[in-house]
Amino acid sequence: MQPETLIDPALLEGLSESERKEALAAAEAAKRAEERAEQRAIERALRQKELERQQFEKPLQKPHSNNTINSGRVVYVPKRERKQQTAIKDETSELVKKQKQSEPAESSLLSKTTTAGSNLTQKQRAVINETYLGVKDVSVNQEMEAKQKQQRGTKKRTMFKFQWDDTDDTFEADDPLYATPFFVKPPSFQSKKVKLLEKEVTNRESAMQKPLSQMTNRDWRILRENYEIHVRGGQAPPPLRSFEEASPGLPSIHPLLIKALYDVMKFKEPSPIQRQAIPVGLQRRDMIGIAETGSGKTVAFGVPLCHYLMQLPCTVLQRVAEEGPLALVLAPTRELALQIDGEFRKLLSLTPNLITCPIVGGQAIQQQAQQVRKGVHIVVGTPGRINDCIEMAYLVLNQCCYVVLDEADRMVDMGFLPQVQSILDSMGGMLKSADDELRAYQQEQEDLQNQNAVARYRITAMFSATMPPEVEKIAQTYLRYPAVVSIGDQKSGKNSRIVQELVWLASPALKEKALMQQISNPRFLYEKVIVFVNEKKHAEHVGRIVERAGRQVVVLHGGKTQEQREESLATFRRGGVVMVATDVAGRGLDVPDVAHVINYDLPSRSIENYTHRIGRTGRAGKEGLATSLITEEDAGIMAALKAYLESTGNKVPERLARHPAANGTDHGDLIL
């Protein structure tokens, strides 16, 4: 080592040449002294080690016990005895460790061990000798054997006796305890379960049959739990027990509407969403409804809307030709709009003075404008055509104070958000207070008390299967302290009653053969089946495949005229027909008893479209089957599809579970 490296050069700066030399000479002298001290320490350690070796050689001359094997200088100890010494060795090791830590820092490791060894007991030294040198102390071994013999003798004295004597005779005839036998009834856990079930049924029947005046908050809570009704938002009224019974503090449904529900629409009792949504609507509160498809949402918002119109005086109803309609219902597709219009016509079949009008694309806008000029009370339409009519002055919404947005999330998905906002901004009626919930509630009560006039404050109801951020933004802008009503799972729309199956194909060319196998299944020969494709140019081709399989087929896509689409839907509703459709039919259409949905093409990236497609089956509490043909080209939706299958309790195929795209390692972010 160079002298300059012994001292940091920064410390030598500012010194004269003579001072620098003196500092370096002193550093070299200190270094040599340190090396000599280290050499002497090593020599002492070697001498100490030689002395210890000589001391430990002496016990080797003593005789050993019969349990050891002497093989010259090394004694091998049986495994059982080594285990018996474990506790003593651990204690000794701990003492040695503590002793090492207490020695001065400058002493070497060998000197620490020697000093600690001088304070050890004979037993501890014997353990050290046995552990590190293989040498066993005979005296310690003999002491341990004596203790073991003593313990074995104690165990023998406390052993159980397996021989019976006369004092242990328990013969029943000789014991007065058993002279008069008696029996104890064993506990019946089944009876407790039956009692709990009977109590639950009793509570349910009580909540349904108890007089309205005797219903308590607990009874209403039980009723909501029975129908899986969840309500958020203050001031929500109790649910309906039947159509003809009024909710406490609210008017009953108009008698003509009740008669239409039972006689025309053949309802027997309200569905869960209708039980809670109708009272909220009668309260004239803003509302957000979340429920699975086929749950009766049209009647849930249709009954309060029609009841509102039927309470208005004739003078108001007669002014619609000059001042425009009184209510508006928006739907994402023309098929859904026409379906809603049909349901309203049934509800109002006994009220001929209320007129509905569908305004949708595919029909001459001049004819629709002419019908509006004659005077209509309810307009049902799509956002695009409604917005066109407003811009062309065919339609005015000055006195329209009741608006319903059905399938709001689907309207956002289809890009109708600007049109929806434009329509809502052009409507009449004032929005309720956005800053004070109590004030908004008071405004609702003002309108409720003055039922013979057009509502002063706008009533907005929005129904949606999901709540994406865009839909929440609409709700925050146009709804005031709404009651949020959801049915079943809080993440409603999960389609938990639908069995979802995947058919994995090596190539898209195999889809035709797989489709023919699916539609030829005898189980579905006379059932309604829907086959979904992504593009309308594929729909006609897939339709020909279905025809070759011997099934009657109708094709529905955006390229069809309105008359063709209505005719296809009417044919499909009659049953025994396969419908090949694009996503235009994937949302909102209420076609009952669809047994099987087949995804010939999976949606490219959006799991929402998949959800709405398979939602055509398994409706209104029934079970359904959805089969999807999947290939490597569907990698973009695999991760979302895997998560959706898990969330709905369906089996995830092993190939999908292990696929890189399903685990987020092959593609970018997915649109959920």
Foldseek 3Di string as FASTA:
>chain_A
DDLCVLDPVVVVPPDDPVVSVVVSVVSVVVVVVVVVVVVVLVVVLVVLVVVVVVVVQVVLPDDADPQWDDDDRAIAHDPVVLVVCVVVQVVLVVQLVVQLVPDDPVHDPSVSNVVSVVPDDPSSVQNVCCPPVNDHDRVVVVVVVVVVVVVVVVCVVPDDDPDDDPVPDPPLVPDPVNPPDDDDDDDDPVVVVVVVVVVLVVLQVCLLPPDLVPDDPVSLVSPCVVQQKDKDFPPFFGFDSFQQDATPPFDHFDPLLNCLVCPVVNDDGAFSLLRRLQNQLRLLAAEEEAAFPQRPVLCSNLRSVVSLVVLADVVVQVCCLPANAAEEEEEAALQLLVVSQVVNCSSCVVPVSAAEAEFEPLDDLVVSLVVSNVGHHYYGYYLVRVLVCVVVVSGAAANHQEYEYEAVVVCVVVPSLVSVVVVLVRHHAAAFDQPDLVRSSVLSVVCSVPSHDRRRHHRYYYYHNDCDPSNVVVCSVRHHRHMYMYGDDPNHLLQLQEAEAEDEDADLVCLLVVVLVVCLPPVPQWFEEEEEDADLVVQVVVQVSVVVSVFAEQEDEPVDRPVSNVVRVVVRLVTSYYYYYYLSPLANDQRPGHAEYEYSDDDQFDCVSVSSNSSNPCHPPRHHYYYYYDYPSNLNHLLVVQVSCVVSVYDDDPCSVPDCSNVVNPDHDTHD
